[in-house]
């Protein structure tokens, strides 16, 4: 009987050892593109033409229109790609979006301004946010959703951010 008691404890410890980790495993179809539909506040993960997952999102605090300058509170629009994964993000986990591109930089410079940067898909802050669009131009989901997205998306994945 004593053996089975220890065995039960060992099984419980092994079973719980994976709980709480922000690094999930994903073994499904490859995410071939991400679409962000700003007006609908939705993010879609696609494998070819099939939606694998969809999420409600928060955007920059001035969400209408394309991001042009640092601090404008807008989320960019256009085609970009995921340039890297950040496991040590201030917002749980994050996926870097390749904004600004050459056209974004050229336009901002023509206005003697910075285009800004560090636009990511990320989890939520540790404190509760009282409104939907609160970021400085990023795409926000919950921490749990970000864990799934982070596990599914690889650097180089194209992202289409639509008005």
C-alpha atoms as a PDB file:
ATOM      1  CA  UNK A   1       0.000   0.000   0.000  1.00  0.00           C
ATOM      2  CA  UNK A   2       2.875   2.308   0.819  1.00  0.00           C
ATOM      3  CA  UNK A   3       4.306   1.854  -2.693  1.00  0.00           C
ATOM      4  CA  UNK A   4       1.013   2.913  -4.298  1.00  0.00           C
ATOM      5  CA  UNK A   5       0.855   6.014  -2.104  1.00  0.00           C
ATOM      6  CA  UNK A   6       4.299   7.129  -3.296  1.00  0.00           C
ATOM      7  CA  UNK A   7       3.406   6.221  -6.845  1.00  0.00           C
ATOM      8  CA  UNK A   8       0.265   8.404  -6.667  1.00  0.00           C
ATOM      9  CA  UNK A   9       2.319  11.343  -5.349  1.00  0.00           C
ATOM     10  CA  UNK A  10       4.929  10.881  -8.084  1.00  0.00           C
ATOM     11  CA  UNK A  11       2.254  10.813 -10.804  1.00  0.00           C
ATOM     12  CA  UNK A  12       0.640  13.970  -9.368  1.00  0.00           C
ATOM     13  CA  UNK A  13       3.965  15.833  -9.263  1.00  0.00           C
ATOM     14  CA  UNK A  14       4.798  14.868 -12.850  1.00  0.00           C
ATOM     15  CA  UNK A  15       1.304  15.815 -13.985  1.00  0.00           C
ATOM     16  CA  UNK A  16       1.482  19.232 -12.327  1.00  0.00           C
ATOM     17  CA  UNK A  17       5.007  20.015 -13.502  1.00  0.00           C
ATOM     18  CA  UNK A  18       3.711  21.196 -16.882  1.00  0.00           C
ATOM     19  CA  UNK A  19       0.941  23.366 -15.415  1.00  0.00           C
ATOM     20  CA  UNK A  20       1.447  27.094 -15.381  1.00  0.00           C
ATOM     21  CA  UNK A  21       4.112  27.226 -18.085  1.00  0.00           C
ATOM     22  CA  UNK A  22       3.707  30.043 -20.574  1.00  0.00           C
ATOM     23  CA  UNK A  23       5.481  27.975 -23.232  1.00  0.00           C
ATOM     24  CA  UNK A  24       2.894  25.751 -24.899  1.00  0.00           C
ATOM     25  CA  UNK A  25       3.569  23.137 -27.569  1.00  0.00           C
ATOM     26  CA  UNK A  26       1.783  23.164 -30.895  1.00  0.00           C
ATOM     27  CA  UNK A  27       1.798  20.258 -33.329  1.00  0.00           C
ATOM     28  CA  UNK A  28      -0.989  21.259 -35.718  1.00  0.00           C
ATOM     29  CA  UNK A  29      -0.995  22.742 -39.219  1.00  0.00           C
ATOM     30  CA  UNK A  30       1.535  25.505 -39.899  1.00  0.00           C
ATOM     31  CA  UNK A  31       0.295  29.074 -39.539  1.00  0.00           C
ATOM     32  CA  UNK A  32       0.917  30.448 -43.036  1.00  0.00           C
ATOM     33  CA  UNK A  33      -0.411  33.947 -42.379  1.00  0.00           C
ATOM     34  CA  UNK A  34      -1.928  36.195 -39.765  1.00  0.00           C
ATOM     35  CA  UNK A  35      -4.698  38.660 -40.535  1.00  0.00           C
ATOM     36  CA  UNK A  36      -5.657  41.537 -38.256  1.00  0.00           C
ATOM     37  CA  UNK A  37      -9.004  43.154 -39.050  1.00  0.00           C
ATOM     38  CA  UNK A  38      -8.813  46.407 -37.134  1.00  0.00           C
ATOM     39  CA  UNK A  39     -12.433  47.522 -37.649  1.00  0.00           C
ATOM     40  CA  UNK A  40     -13.728  44.186 -36.321  1.00  0.00           C
ATOM     41  CA  UNK A  41     -11.051  43.964 -33.586  1.00  0.00           C
ATOM     42  CA  UNK A  42     -10.184  40.418 -34.685  1.00  0.00           C
ATOM     43  CA  UNK A  43      -6.951  38.507 -35.263  1.00  0.00           C
ATOM     44  CA  UNK A  44      -7.033  35.358 -37.409  1.00  0.00           C
ATOM     45  CA  UNK A  45      -4.405  32.632 -37.714  1.00  0.00           C
ATOM     46  CA  UNK A  46      -4.578  30.893 -41.105  1.00  0.00           C
ATOM     47  CA  UNK A  47      -3.224  27.710 -42.620  1.00  0.00           C
ATOM     48  CA  UNK A  48      -3.499  28.505 -46.323  1.00  0.00           C
ATOM     49  CA  UNK A  49      -7.157  29.587 -46.698  1.00  0.00           C
ATOM     50  CA  UNK A  50      -8.456  27.905 -43.519  1.00  0.00           C
ATOM     51  CA  UNK A  51      -8.872  29.838 -40.253  1.00  0.00           C
ATOM     52  CA  UNK A  52      -7.200  27.875 -37.464  1.00  0.00           C
ATOM     53  CA  UNK A  53      -7.975  30.291 -34.621  1.00  0.00           C
ATOM     54  CA  UNK A  54      -9.519  33.716 -34.133  1.00  0.00           C
ATOM     55  CA  UNK A  55      -9.182  36.173 -31.259  1.00  0.00           C
ATOM     56  CA  UNK A  56     -10.721  39.420 -30.080  1.00  0.00           C
ATOM     57  CA  UNK A  57      -8.030  42.107 -29.859  1.00  0.00           C
ATOM     58  CA  UNK A  58      -7.210  45.523 -28.509  1.00  0.00           C
ATOM     59  CA  UNK A  59      -5.340  48.075 -30.620  1.00  0.00           C
ATOM     60  CA  UNK A  60      -3.592  51.391 -30.266  1.00  0.00           C
ATOM     61  CA  UNK A  61      -5.439  54.133 -28.380  1.00  0.00           C
ATOM     62  CA  UNK A  62      -6.118  55.936 -31.719  1.00  0.00           C
ATOM     63  CA  UNK A  63      -6.910  52.868 -33.847  1.00  0.00           C
ATOM     64  CA  UNK A  64      -8.321  54.455 -37.018  1.00  0.00           C
ATOM     65  CA  UNK A  65      -5.786  54.916 -39.811  1.00  0.00           C
ATOM     66  CA  UNK A  66      -2.253  53.751 -40.493  1.00  0.00           C
ATOM     67  CA  UNK A  67       0.536  54.363 -37.988  1.00  0.00           C
ATOM     68  CA  UNK A  68       2.728  57.187 -39.262  1.00  0.00           C
ATOM     69  CA  UNK A  69       4.673  58.537 -36.314  1.00  0.00           C
ATOM     70  CA  UNK A  70       5.995  57.496 -32.957  1.00  0.00           C
ATOM     71  CA  UNK A  71       3.433  58.173 -30.245  1.00  0.00           C
ATOM     72  CA  UNK A  72       0.427  58.579 -32.554  1.00  0.00           C
ATOM     73  CA  UNK A  73      -1.379  55.635 -30.903  1.00  0.00           C
ATOM     74  CA  UNK A  74      -2.209  54.018 -34.231  1.00  0.00           C
ATOM     75  CA  UNK A  75      -1.726  50.398 -35.209  1.00  0.00           C
ATOM     76  CA  UNK A  76       0.008  50.050 -38.609  1.00  0.00           C
ATOM     77  CA  UNK A  77      -1.835  48.829 -41.693  1.00  0.00           C
ATOM     78  CA  UNK A  78      -0.358  46.827 -44.540  1.00  0.00           C
ATOM     79  CA  UNK A  79       1.735  43.733 -45.097  1.00  0.00           C
ATOM     80  CA  UNK A  80       4.511  42.966 -42.629  1.00  0.00           C
ATOM     81  CA  UNK A  81       5.966  39.785 -41.159  1.00  0.00           C
ATOM     82  CA  UNK A  82       6.785  38.386 -37.725  1.00  0.00           C
ATOM     83  CA  UNK A  83      10.459  39.196 -37.243  1.00  0.00           C
ATOM     84  CA  UNK A  84      11.100  37.483 -33.893  1.00  0.00           C
ATOM     85  CA  UNK A  85       9.582  35.985 -30.749  1.00  0.00           C
ATOM     86  CA  UNK A  86      10.235  37.630 -27.395  1.00  0.00           C
ATOM     87  CA  UNK A  87       9.885  35.268 -24.421  1.00  0.00           C
ATOM     88  CA  UNK A  88      10.844  38.081 -22.001  1.00  0.00           C
ATOM     89  CA  UNK A  89       8.302  40.700 -23.063  1.00  0.00           C
ATOM     90  CA  UNK A  90       7.014  43.276 -20.597  1.00  0.00           C
ATOM     91  CA  UNK A  91       3.589  42.009 -21.698  1.00  0.00           C
ATOM     92  CA  UNK A  92       3.967  38.275 -20.971  1.00  0.00           C
ATOM     93  CA  UNK A  93       5.078  37.088 -24.444  1.00  0.00           C
ATOM     94  CA  UNK A  94       5.263  38.946 -27.736  1.00  0.00           C
ATOM     95  CA  UNK A  95       5.725  38.559 -31.473  1.00  0.00           C
ATOM     96  CA  UNK A  96       7.559  41.457 -33.154  1.00  0.00           C
ATOM     97  CA  UNK A  97       5.890  42.895 -36.266  1.00  0.00           C
ATOM     98  CA  UNK A  98       8.351  44.178 -38.883  1.00  0.00           C
ATOM     99  CA  UNK A  99       7.011  47.763 -38.714  1.00  0.00           C
ATOM    100  CA  UNK A 100       8.407  50.163 -39.858  1.00  0.00           C
ATOM    101  CA  UNK A 101       9.169  49.153 -43.430  1.00  0.00           C
ATOM    102  CA  UNK A 102      11.096  51.342 -45.901  1.00  0.00           C
ATOM    103  CA  UNK A 103       7.982  53.262 -46.972  1.00  0.00           C
ATOM    104  CA  UNK A 104       7.008  53.925 -43.330  1.00  0.00           C
ATOM    105  CA  UNK A 105      10.502  55.263 -42.561  1.00  0.00           C
ATOM    106  CA  UNK A 106      10.611  57.418 -45.718  1.00  0.00           C
ATOM    107  CA  UNK A 107       7.236  59.015 -44.998  1.00  0.00           C
ATOM    108  CA  UNK A 108       8.071  59.801 -41.379  1.00  0.00           C
ATOM    109  CA  UNK A 109      11.466  61.230 -42.347  1.00  0.00           C
ATOM    110  CA  UNK A 110       9.806  63.435 -44.983  1.00  0.00           C
ATOM    111  CA  UNK A 111       7.823  64.957 -42.113  1.00  0.00           C
ATOM    112  CA  UNK A 112      10.903  65.268 -39.865  1.00  0.00           C
ATOM    113  CA  UNK A 113       9.464  62.690 -37.465  1.00  0.00           C
ATOM    114  CA  UNK A 114      10.219  59.178 -36.274  1.00  0.00           C
ATOM    115  CA  UNK A 115       7.986  56.341 -37.511  1.00  0.00           C
ATOM    116  CA  UNK A 116       8.227  54.649 -34.130  1.00  0.00           C
ATOM    117  CA  UNK A 117       8.736  50.938 -33.821  1.00  0.00           C
ATOM    118  CA  UNK A 118       8.521  48.059 -31.396  1.00  0.00           C
ATOM    119  CA  UNK A 119       5.069  47.110 -32.658  1.00  0.00           C
ATOM    120  CA  UNK A 120       4.158  43.630 -31.434  1.00  0.00           C
ATOM    121  CA  UNK A 121       1.357  41.195 -30.771  1.00  0.00           C
ATOM    122  CA  UNK A 122       1.400  40.770 -26.993  1.00  0.00           C
ATOM    123  CA  UNK A 123      -0.441  39.637 -23.909  1.00  0.00           C
ATOM    124  CA  UNK A 124      -2.082  41.899 -21.412  1.00  0.00           C
ATOM    125  CA  UNK A 125      -0.464  43.946 -18.690  1.00  0.00           C
ATOM    126  CA  UNK A 126      -0.450  42.719 -15.125  1.00  0.00           C
ATOM    127  CA  UNK A 127      -2.940  45.437 -14.122  1.00  0.00           C
ATOM    128  CA  UNK A 128      -6.487  45.467 -15.483  1.00  0.00           C
ATOM    129  CA  UNK A 129      -7.088  47.754 -18.467  1.00  0.00           C
ATOM    130  CA  UNK A 130     -10.397  49.623 -18.400  1.00  0.00           C
ATOM    131  CA  UNK A 131     -10.817  50.121 -22.147  1.00  0.00           C
ATOM    132  CA  UNK A 132     -10.413  48.038 -25.276  1.00  0.00           C
ATOM    133  CA  UNK A 133      -7.908  50.084 -27.324  1.00  0.00           C
ATOM    134  CA  UNK A 134      -5.107  50.970 -24.945  1.00  0.00           C
ATOM    135  CA  UNK A 135      -1.762  50.110 -26.535  1.00  0.00           C
ATOM    136  CA  UNK A 136       0.706  52.484 -28.211  1.00  0.00           C
ATOM    137  CA  UNK A 137       0.018  50.772 -31.550  1.00  0.00           C
ATOM    138  CA  UNK A 138       0.387  47.094 -30.720  1.00  0.00           C
ATOM    139  CA  UNK A 139      -2.124  44.259 -31.029  1.00  0.00           C
ATOM    140  CA  UNK A 140      -3.172  42.967 -27.605  1.00  0.00           C
ATOM    141  CA  UNK A 141      -4.763  39.678 -26.550  1.00  0.00           C
ATOM    142  CA  UNK A 142      -5.034  37.989 -23.155  1.00  0.00           C
ATOM    143  CA  UNK A 143      -1.993  36.240 -21.688  1.00  0.00           C
ATOM    144  CA  UNK A 144      -3.556  32.789 -22.183  1.00  0.00           C
ATOM    145  CA  UNK A 145      -4.381  33.595 -25.807  1.00  0.00           C
ATOM    146  CA  UNK A 146      -0.850  34.911 -26.337  1.00  0.00           C
ATOM    147  CA  UNK A 147       0.578  31.625 -25.084  1.00  0.00           C
ATOM    148  CA  UNK A 148      -1.329  29.752 -27.805  1.00  0.00           C
ATOM    149  CA  UNK A 149      -0.494  32.288 -30.530  1.00  0.00           C
ATOM    150  CA  UNK A 150       3.184  32.297 -29.494  1.00  0.00           C
ATOM    151  CA  UNK A 151       3.290  28.496 -29.763  1.00  0.00           C
ATOM    152  CA  UNK A 152       1.701  28.480 -33.221  1.00  0.00           C
ATOM    153  CA  UNK A 153       3.495  31.324 -35.039  1.00  0.00           C
ATOM    154  CA  UNK A 154       7.048  31.201 -36.356  1.00  0.00           C
ATOM    155  CA  UNK A 155       9.308  34.116 -37.313  1.00  0.00           C
ATOM    156  CA  UNK A 156       8.877  34.945 -40.986  1.00  0.00           C
ATOM    157  CA  UNK A 157       5.095  34.449 -40.946  1.00  0.00           C
ATOM    158  CA  UNK A 158       3.390  37.181 -42.981  1.00  0.00           C
ATOM    159  CA  UNK A 159       0.907  39.422 -41.178  1.00  0.00           C
ATOM    160  CA  UNK A 160      -1.705  41.490 -43.007  1.00  0.00           C
ATOM    161  CA  UNK A 161      -3.097  44.340 -40.934  1.00  0.00           C
ATOM    162  CA  UNK A 162      -6.309  45.554 -42.546  1.00  0.00           C
ATOM    163  CA  UNK A 163      -8.317  48.719 -41.752  1.00  0.00           C
END
